[in-house]
Protein backbone atom coordinates (compact mmCIF):
# COMPACT_ATOMS: atom_id res chain seq x y z
CA MET A 1 48.14 -7.55 -7.86
CA THR A 2 45.64 -9.00 -10.35
CA GLU A 3 45.18 -11.80 -8.32
CA VAL A 4 44.33 -10.34 -5.28
CA PHE A 5 41.88 -8.35 -7.05
CA GLU A 6 40.02 -10.93 -8.48
CA LEU A 7 40.27 -12.53 -4.98
CA LYS A 8 38.03 -9.86 -4.03
CA GLN A 9 35.91 -9.90 -6.70
CA ARG A 10 35.04 -13.22 -5.65
CA GLU A 11 34.36 -12.56 -2.08
CA LEU A 12 32.14 -9.79 -3.26
CA LYS A 13 29.55 -12.04 -4.75
CA VAL A 14 26.08 -12.16 -3.17
CA SER A 15 22.92 -14.29 -3.58
CA GLN A 16 21.10 -14.68 -6.77
CA MET A 17 18.59 -13.35 -4.75
CA ALA A 18 19.99 -10.41 -3.58
CA GLU A 19 21.80 -9.85 -7.08
CA THR A 20 18.38 -9.73 -8.70
CA LEU A 21 16.27 -8.07 -6.25
CA ILE A 22 14.93 -4.59 -7.82
CA ALA A 23 15.45 -1.47 -5.44
CA SER A 24 12.38 0.60 -4.82
CA GLU A 25 11.55 2.94 -7.93
CA ILE A 26 9.52 5.05 -6.03
CA ILE A 27 12.49 5.78 -3.18
CA LYS A 28 15.04 5.94 -6.31
CA LEU A 29 12.41 8.72 -7.74
CA ALA A 30 12.35 10.67 -4.41
CA GLY A 31 16.05 10.77 -4.40
CA GLU A 32 16.01 12.79 -7.58
CA ILE A 33 13.13 14.88 -5.85
CA ASN A 34 15.13 15.42 -2.79
CA GLU A 35 18.33 16.64 -4.79
CA LYS A 36 16.22 19.22 -6.81
CA ILE A 37 14.77 20.50 -3.55
CA LYS A 38 18.38 20.67 -1.40
CA LYS A 39 19.62 23.28 -4.48
CA GLY A 40 16.44 25.18 -4.33
CA GLU A 41 14.12 24.09 -6.44
CA LYS A 42 10.01 24.34 -5.23
CA ILE A 43 8.73 21.01 -5.77
CA TYR A 44 5.28 20.05 -5.26
CA ASN A 45 6.10 16.36 -3.99
CA LEU A 46 3.09 14.04 -4.55
CA THR A 47 5.32 11.04 -4.65
CA ILE A 48 5.49 9.00 -1.54
CA GLY A 49 2.45 7.38 -0.07
CA ASP A 50 3.21 9.12 3.76
CA PHE A 51 2.81 11.94 5.43
CA ASP A 52 3.80 15.10 6.51
CA PRO A 53 3.05 15.59 10.21
CA LYS A 54 2.96 19.03 10.14
CA VAL A 55 -0.15 18.93 7.99
CA PHE A 56 -1.71 15.50 9.41
CA PRO A 57 0.01 15.06 12.96
CA ILE A 58 -0.88 11.41 14.83
CA PRO A 59 -4.03 11.71 17.30
CA ARG A 60 -2.97 14.19 20.07
CA GLU A 61 -4.31 11.40 22.51
CA LEU A 62 -1.84 8.84 20.74
CA GLU A 63 0.61 11.19 21.07
CA GLU A 64 0.23 11.69 24.66
CA GLU A 65 0.15 7.89 25.36
CA ILE A 66 3.32 7.09 23.94
CA ILE A 67 5.10 9.73 25.51
CA LYS A 68 3.58 8.25 29.19
CA ALA A 69 4.59 5.10 28.08
CA TYR A 70 7.92 5.79 27.17
CA LYS A 71 8.47 7.55 30.65
CA GLY A 72 6.74 4.70 32.39
CA GLY A 73 9.65 2.51 31.22
CA ALA A 74 8.06 0.59 28.63
CA THR A 75 11.20 0.54 26.69
CA ASN A 76 12.17 -3.92 27.08
CA TYR A 77 11.07 -6.64 24.68
CA PRO A 78 7.56 -6.99 24.17
CA PRO A 79 5.84 -10.66 23.45
CA ALA A 80 6.85 -12.01 19.82
CA ASP A 81 2.96 -11.61 19.17
CA GLY A 82 2.56 -8.25 20.57
CA LEU A 83 1.45 -7.16 24.13
CA LEU A 84 -2.60 -9.01 24.66
CA GLU A 85 -3.96 -5.75 25.69
CA THR A 86 -2.82 -4.31 22.42
CA ARG A 87 -3.92 -7.64 20.62
CA GLN A 88 -7.47 -7.34 22.95
CA ALA A 89 -7.79 -3.53 21.87
CA VAL A 90 -7.28 -4.47 18.33
CA ALA A 91 -9.95 -7.48 18.22
CA LYS A 92 -11.88 -5.29 19.84
CA PHE A 93 -11.61 -2.56 17.27
CA ILE A 94 -12.30 -4.87 14.27
CA MET A 95 -15.07 -6.30 15.64
CA GLU A 96 -16.90 -2.72 16.62
CA LYS A 97 -15.78 -1.33 13.20
CA GLU A 98 -16.04 -4.18 10.81
CA GLY A 99 -18.23 -7.11 12.72
CA LEU A 100 -14.77 -9.53 12.31
CA ASP A 101 -14.54 -11.87 15.29
CA TYR A 102 -11.20 -12.73 15.60
CA ASN A 103 -9.79 -14.03 19.28
CA PRO A 104 -6.97 -11.80 20.48
CA VAL A 105 -5.20 -14.87 22.32
CA ASN A 106 -3.98 -17.02 19.08
CA GLU A 107 -5.73 -14.86 15.99
CA VAL A 108 -3.99 -11.66 16.04
CA LEU A 109 -0.48 -11.05 15.66
CA MET A 110 1.64 -7.28 15.81
CA GLY A 111 3.90 -6.12 13.84
CA ALA A 112 6.61 -3.45 13.35
CA GLY A 113 4.07 -1.95 10.75
CA ALA A 114 2.23 -3.75 7.78
CA ARG A 115 5.72 -4.56 5.67
CA PRO A 116 7.10 -7.25 8.31
CA LEU A 117 3.77 -9.07 8.28
CA ILE A 118 3.29 -9.33 5.07
CA TYR A 119 6.74 -10.53 4.54
CA ALA A 120 6.20 -13.19 7.22
CA THR A 121 2.80 -14.00 5.32
CA TYR A 122 4.68 -14.77 2.19
CA GLN A 123 7.04 -16.98 4.11
CA THR A 124 4.54 -18.77 5.93
CA LEU A 125 2.23 -19.39 2.62
CA VAL A 126 4.47 -19.84 0.31
CA GLN A 127 7.69 -22.29 -0.67
CA PRO A 128 10.17 -21.51 -2.94
CA GLY A 129 8.58 -22.38 -6.73
CA ASP A 130 4.93 -21.90 -5.93
CA THR A 131 3.10 -19.46 -7.68
CA VAL A 132 1.60 -16.01 -6.37
CA ILE A 133 -1.22 -14.31 -8.29
CA PHE A 134 -1.40 -10.39 -7.58
CA PRO A 135 -2.76 -7.62 -9.81
CA VAL A 136 -0.78 -5.02 -11.50
CA PRO A 137 -0.77 -2.33 -11.00
CA SER A 138 0.06 -3.19 -6.69
CA TRP A 139 2.60 -2.09 -3.64
CA ASN A 140 5.61 -4.34 -4.15
CA ASN A 141 4.04 -8.27 -4.36
CA ASN A 142 6.51 -8.15 -7.46
CA HIS A 143 9.66 -7.83 -4.47
CA TYR A 144 8.06 -10.13 -1.59
CA THR A 145 7.26 -13.15 -4.28
CA HIS A 146 11.22 -12.85 -5.68
CA LEU A 147 12.04 -12.65 -1.98
CA SER A 148 10.15 -15.93 -1.52
CA HIS A 149 11.80 -17.16 -4.36
CA ALA A 150 8.46 -17.57 -6.23
CA LYS A 151 7.10 -17.27 -9.31
CA LYS A 152 4.62 -14.50 -10.33
CA ILE A 153 1.58 -14.17 -12.27
CA GLU A 154 0.66 -10.67 -12.68
CA VAL A 155 -2.99 -9.99 -13.29
CA ILE A 156 -3.08 -6.79 -15.65
CA ALA A 157 -6.12 -4.59 -13.83
CA THR A 158 -7.44 -2.03 -16.50
CA PRO A 159 -8.87 1.60 -15.95
CA GLU A 160 -12.16 0.21 -17.46
CA ASN A 161 -12.14 -1.56 -13.90
CA ASN A 162 -10.64 1.36 -11.61
CA PHE A 163 -7.50 -1.07 -11.77
CA MET A 164 -9.18 -3.84 -9.48
CA PRO A 165 -8.40 -7.05 -10.37
CA THR A 166 -11.96 -9.14 -11.53
CA ALA A 167 -12.98 -12.82 -10.81
CA ASP A 168 -12.39 -13.32 -14.59
CA ASP A 169 -9.29 -11.69 -14.56
CA LEU A 170 -7.71 -14.35 -12.10
CA ARG A 171 -9.46 -17.59 -12.91
CA PRO A 172 -7.20 -19.31 -15.50
CA HIS A 173 -4.21 -19.30 -13.20
CA LEU A 174 -5.69 -20.59 -10.09
CA LYS A 175 -4.62 -23.99 -10.46
CA GLY A 176 -2.17 -25.13 -8.30
CA ALA A 177 -1.24 -21.77 -6.74
CA ALA A 178 -0.39 -20.94 -3.32
CA LEU A 179 -1.61 -17.18 -3.05
CA VAL A 180 -3.39 -14.92 -3.94
CA SER A 181 -2.36 -11.23 -3.06
CA LEU A 182 -5.03 -8.72 -2.85
CA CYS A 183 -5.39 -5.03 -1.68
CA SER A 184 -8.36 -2.74 -0.92
CA PRO A 185 -8.38 0.02 -0.69
CA LEU A 186 -5.82 -0.31 -3.38
CA ASN A 187 -2.16 1.19 -3.29
CA PRO A 188 -1.96 2.59 -5.90
CA THR A 189 -4.85 3.82 -6.95
CA GLY A 190 -7.25 4.68 -4.41
CA THR A 191 -10.00 2.41 -5.33
CA ALA A 192 -11.69 -0.50 -3.86
CA PHE A 193 -13.29 -3.53 -4.69
CA THR A 194 -17.19 -3.84 -5.38
CA LYS A 195 -19.12 -6.08 -2.93
CA ARG A 196 -19.96 -8.17 -5.95
CA GLY A 197 -16.67 -7.78 -7.55
CA LEU A 198 -14.88 -9.45 -4.13
CA GLU A 199 -17.48 -11.97 -3.72
CA GLU A 200 -17.10 -13.34 -7.07
CA ILE A 201 -13.54 -13.89 -6.75
CA CYS A 202 -13.51 -15.37 -3.05
CA GLU A 203 -16.35 -17.70 -4.73
CA LEU A 204 -12.99 -18.76 -6.89
CA ILE A 205 -10.76 -19.69 -4.33
CA LEU A 206 -13.50 -21.56 -2.39
CA GLU A 207 -14.35 -23.54 -5.81
CA GLU A 208 -10.48 -24.15 -6.05
CA ASN A 209 -10.30 -24.99 -2.37
CA ASN A 210 -12.81 -27.45 -2.60
CA SER A 211 -11.16 -28.76 -5.47
CA ARG A 212 -7.76 -29.76 -4.06
CA ASP A 213 -7.11 -32.88 -2.07
CA GLU A 214 -6.75 -32.75 1.36
CA ASN A 215 -2.92 -33.31 1.41
CA GLU A 216 -2.98 -30.35 -0.44
CA LYS A 217 -1.90 -27.00 0.22
CA PRO A 218 -4.54 -24.61 0.10
CA LEU A 219 -5.17 -21.78 -1.77
CA TYR A 220 -4.69 -18.98 0.60
CA LEU A 221 -5.72 -14.84 0.15
CA MET A 222 -3.46 -12.39 1.88
CA TYR A 223 -5.68 -9.15 2.05
CA ASP A 224 -4.06 -6.12 2.94
CA GLN A 225 -6.92 -3.47 3.77
CA ILE A 226 -4.27 -0.80 5.64
CA TYR A 227 -6.33 1.69 4.26
CA TRP A 228 -9.76 0.44 4.86
CA VAL A 229 -10.81 3.58 7.11
CA LEU A 230 -10.41 6.01 4.43
CA THR A 231 -13.48 5.36 2.21
CA PHE A 232 -15.15 8.14 0.89
CA GLY A 233 -18.40 9.03 -0.50
CA ASP A 234 -20.17 6.40 -1.61
CA THR A 235 -17.52 3.91 -1.26
CA GLU A 236 -17.83 1.05 1.03
CA HIS A 237 -15.17 -1.19 2.46
CA TYR A 238 -15.75 -5.10 2.19
CA ASN A 239 -13.75 -8.11 3.56
CA PRO A 240 -13.70 -11.23 2.26
CA VAL A 241 -14.74 -12.83 5.49
CA SER A 242 -17.85 -10.96 6.48
CA LEU A 243 -19.31 -11.78 2.94
CA ILE A 244 -18.66 -15.09 2.64
CA PRO A 245 -17.59 -16.45 6.06
CA GLU A 246 -15.82 -19.86 4.60
CA MET A 247 -12.88 -17.47 3.33
CA ARG A 248 -12.12 -17.17 7.07
CA ASN A 249 -10.00 -20.51 6.80
CA TYR A 250 -8.17 -19.19 3.86
CA THR A 251 -8.02 -15.29 4.76
CA LEU A 252 -4.91 -13.31 6.28
CA PHE A 253 -5.72 -9.94 7.30
CA ILE A 254 -2.94 -7.12 6.83
CA ASP A 255 -4.02 -3.84 8.50
CA GLY A 256 -2.60 -1.32 11.34
CA LEU A 257 -2.46 2.14 11.95
CA SER A 258 0.13 3.63 9.89
CA LYS A 259 -2.81 4.97 6.96
CA SER A 260 -5.68 5.04 9.05
CA PHE A 261 -4.06 7.55 11.62
CA ALA A 262 -1.53 9.17 9.67
CA ALA A 263 1.24 7.33 11.68
CA THR A 264 3.57 5.64 9.32
CA GLY A 265 6.42 6.43 11.69
CA VAL A 266 4.94 4.88 15.19
CA ARG A 267 5.32 1.46 13.29
CA VAL A 268 1.99 -0.50 14.76
CA GLY A 269 0.71 -3.31 12.52
CA TRP A 270 -0.95 -6.17 13.47
CA SER A 271 -2.80 -9.52 11.26
CA PHE A 272 -5.29 -11.24 12.02
CA GLY A 273 -6.42 -15.31 10.71
CA PRO A 274 -6.57 -18.89 11.37
CA ALA A 275 -4.53 -19.43 14.47
CA ARG A 276 -2.04 -21.84 12.89
CA LEU A 277 -1.22 -19.46 10.34
CA ILE A 278 -0.96 -16.56 12.98
CA GLY A 279 1.50 -18.63 15.14
CA LYS A 280 3.64 -19.54 12.32
CA MET A 281 4.07 -15.91 11.52
CA LYS A 282 4.77 -14.95 15.49
CA SER A 283 7.42 -17.46 15.02
CA ILE A 284 9.12 -15.73 12.04
CA LEU A 285 8.71 -12.24 13.23
CA SER A 286 10.30 -13.44 16.22
CA HIS A 287 13.62 -14.30 14.63
CA LEU A 288 13.64 -11.17 13.08
CA GLY A 289 12.46 -9.00 15.96
CA ALA A 290 10.17 -7.24 13.94
CA TRP A 291 7.75 -6.52 16.78
CA ALA A 292 6.16 -3.36 17.40
CA PRO A 293 7.98 -0.92 19.72
CA LYS A 294 6.32 -1.56 23.33
CA ALA A 295 5.69 1.87 24.41
CA GLU A 296 3.73 2.33 21.22
CA GLN A 297 1.86 -1.10 21.83
CA VAL A 298 0.84 0.08 25.33
CA ALA A 299 -0.43 3.25 23.98
CA THR A 300 -2.13 1.76 21.17
CA ALA A 301 -4.23 -0.20 23.33
CA LEU A 302 -5.27 2.84 25.31
CA TYR A 303 -5.63 5.23 22.48
CA LEU A 304 -8.17 2.18 20.40
CA ASN A 305 -10.25 2.14 23.52
CA ARG A 306 -11.03 5.68 23.79
CA VAL A 307 -13.91 5.29 21.27
CA SER A 308 -14.98 8.72 21.00
CA ASP A 309 -11.50 10.40 20.54
CA VAL A 310 -11.16 7.61 17.93
CA ASP A 311 -13.90 8.35 15.83
CA ARG A 312 -13.63 12.36 16.60
CA TYR A 313 -9.83 11.81 14.67
CA LEU A 314 -11.16 10.03 11.93
CA VAL A 315 -14.10 12.17 10.86
CA LYS A 316 -11.57 15.22 10.51
CA PHE A 317 -8.66 13.41 9.10
CA LYS A 318 -10.91 11.53 6.48
CA GLY A 319 -12.52 15.28 5.74
CA GLU A 320 -9.35 16.68 5.42
CA VAL A 321 -8.12 13.98 2.95
CA GLN A 322 -11.07 13.73 0.97
CA ALA A 323 -10.79 17.80 0.49
CA ARG A 324 -7.32 17.07 -1.12
CA LEU A 325 -8.16 14.42 -3.12
CA ASP A 326 -11.53 16.17 -4.98
CA GLY A 327 -9.78 19.11 -5.21
CA PHE A 328 -7.20 17.85 -7.51
CA TYR A 329 -9.90 15.33 -8.99
CA LYS A 330 -12.07 18.99 -10.26
CA GLY A 331 -8.86 20.09 -11.33
CA PHE A 332 -7.62 17.59 -13.56
CA MET A 333 -11.47 17.33 -14.65
CA ASP A 334 -11.05 20.97 -15.55
CA LEU A 335 -7.53 20.39 -17.25
CA LYS A 336 -9.45 17.60 -19.34
CA ASN A 337 -12.70 19.99 -20.28
CA GLU A 338 -10.06 22.85 -21.77
CA GLY A 339 -8.83 19.94 -24.39
CA PHE A 340 -5.62 19.00 -22.53
CA LYS A 341 -4.51 14.84 -22.74
CA VAL A 342 -5.47 14.12 -19.13
CA ASN A 343 -8.08 12.35 -16.97
CA ALA A 344 -8.45 11.08 -13.45
CA ILE A 345 -10.47 8.48 -11.99
CA ALA A 346 -12.55 9.90 -9.24
CA PRO A 347 -11.75 9.36 -5.87
CA GLN A 348 -12.41 6.53 -3.94
CA ALA A 349 -10.34 5.50 -0.86
CA ALA A 350 -6.81 5.89 0.65
CA ILE A 351 -4.61 9.09 0.31
CA TYR A 352 -4.17 8.48 -3.46
CA LEU A 353 -5.98 9.67 -7.02
CA THR A 354 -5.38 8.04 -10.19
CA VAL A 355 -4.22 10.13 -13.04
CA GLN A 356 -3.61 9.88 -16.72
CA PHE A 357 -0.95 11.95 -18.86
CA ASP A 358 -1.66 10.79 -21.90
CA LEU A 359 1.48 12.80 -23.94
CA HIS A 360 3.55 10.24 -25.59
CA GLY A 361 4.46 12.22 -28.79
CA MET A 362 3.85 15.62 -27.75
CA LYS A 363 6.76 18.00 -28.30
CA LYS A 364 8.41 20.55 -26.30
CA GLU A 365 9.28 23.91 -27.01
CA ASP A 366 12.97 23.30 -27.74
CA GLY A 367 11.48 20.66 -30.78
CA ALA A 368 12.15 17.45 -27.80
CA VAL A 369 9.56 14.75 -28.27
CA LEU A 370 8.22 12.97 -25.22
CA GLU A 371 8.98 9.52 -26.06
CA ASN A 372 7.93 7.64 -23.32
CA THR A 373 6.93 7.73 -19.91
CA LYS A 374 10.20 8.60 -18.33
CA ASP A 375 10.02 11.49 -20.35
CA ILE A 376 7.11 12.60 -19.80
CA THR A 377 7.16 12.11 -15.89
CA LYS A 378 10.99 14.32 -16.27
CA TYR A 379 8.87 16.74 -17.95
CA LEU A 380 6.12 17.16 -15.69
CA LEU A 381 8.88 17.69 -12.57
CA GLU A 382 11.36 20.04 -14.63
CA GLU A 383 8.49 22.41 -16.42
CA ALA A 384 5.36 21.96 -13.47
CA HIS A 385 7.72 21.04 -10.68
CA VAL A 386 5.19 18.10 -9.78
CA ALA A 387 6.32 15.22 -8.67
CA ILE A 388 4.47 11.71 -9.28
CA VAL A 389 5.03 8.06 -9.59
CA PRO A 390 4.36 6.72 -12.74
CA PHE A 391 2.42 2.87 -12.50
CA TYR A 392 5.40 1.00 -14.13
CA ALA A 393 7.10 1.39 -10.08
CA PHE A 394 3.77 -0.89 -9.22
CA GLY A 395 4.67 -3.43 -12.17
CA ASP A 396 2.56 -2.14 -15.05
CA SER A 397 3.65 -1.04 -18.21
CA ASP A 398 7.12 0.69 -18.77
CA ASN A 399 4.80 3.14 -20.93
CA SER A 400 1.25 3.25 -18.88
CA THR A 401 0.15 6.44 -19.00
CA TRP A 402 -1.20 6.17 -15.85
CA TYR A 403 0.11 7.76 -12.41
CA ARG A 404 -0.59 8.20 -8.37
CA LEU A 405 -0.74 10.90 -6.90
CA SER A 406 -0.45 11.20 -3.24
CA VAL A 407 -1.92 13.83 -1.16
CA GLY A 408 -0.43 13.04 2.42
CA THR A 409 1.73 15.73 2.24
CA CYS A 410 -0.20 18.34 0.23
CA ARG A 411 -1.22 21.32 1.98
CA LEU A 412 -4.44 22.55 0.62
CA ASP A 413 -3.61 25.58 -0.75
CA GLU A 414 -1.11 23.66 -2.85
CA VAL A 415 -3.79 21.80 -4.83
CA GLU A 416 -4.65 25.23 -6.88
CA LYS A 417 -0.87 26.05 -7.29
CA VAL A 418 -0.28 22.19 -8.89
CA ILE A 419 -3.10 22.28 -10.78
CA GLU A 420 -2.23 25.92 -12.77
CA GLY A 421 1.48 24.50 -12.79
CA LEU A 422 0.63 21.63 -14.66
CA ARG A 423 -1.83 23.81 -17.17
CA LYS A 424 1.37 26.35 -17.72
CA ALA A 425 3.33 23.11 -18.83
CA LEU A 426 0.76 21.56 -20.75
CA ARG A 427 0.37 24.36 -22.76
CA LYS A 428 3.90 24.60 -23.91
CA LEU A 429 3.36 21.48 -25.74
CA SER A 430 2.39 20.56 -29.36
């Protein structure tokens, strides 16, 4: 019997990569929240970077076109790189909105949302043992680096720079690296690069590439701009190629419908960049079967070409997201002015607000001390019924006092209720 058990144990061994892969911290937190909700607790769930369709529905015209496409029989395999008409619509969209000129035939690639495109980017550009550079906090770069058997260099970004990495942060690490992974607007912070900030980074990447031998692999930039449509106030979105055209040879863009049109479950993403790189990514995705569903691609092509419908939706959508972000920011500033140890960075973009709870060492009513960030997160959940994601879920320090607050599932009338719940909970600390 013992021999059989030992044999089974040996058979259950897995690869080193799988054994050491860390599961999503956000999904783990979401599971805890859902358990409380199932038990009847009222929780303001501001954790996940998703949308409640009852609060933020996808564009009505897009929904109608998806239904028509399914009824019309668009249920078989699409081409591995996506329908040509969809790639043409995407190329037209980014040209009209950003002035980026990419050939839909061989420089645009469709995928089932952004994730498989990010994975394909890593697999195309990064060999086992290569170095990948990315800022923390940032979304999932640590996991994609692990999946690629690469070495990571985490550049610590600071609140003084709105958690956006600077050229000075990156400069010491570029020699010999394979990939710099950047995101703007940034998940989790909802902040964005300034024009000069991004220019300086691009100049560094070009300088590094100009110093390499022609037989060396270049240093590439993955530029995730999935939130670029969602900028607010004076914030402008900048991209590497528009700022410095020479970056075209080294930049792969990640983009899609998911965040810009509240369409996370529609699973239509796109990447664009040099034809040779896009071709290799296409081959990888063809083996994964990670293409966007055909009906959704048909609908996306038709919808993106309806310019007035797109613009009308974005004006309304952006206004509603901004109202929530502004409401939470004002609420946090009120709490700060009342003397509570909280803070926030003014909203710039995306669906996130960066907030701070500097509560380490404070005592609850029962005398228990909030010794670490996990204690604080638990206290906010149990006492204020507010769920937010600590920055350690995005690679930052375990005891970082900063959090991501997401408004994608939040009703506008809940903003004041959340702030009041936090006020009551904070008053109980000493």
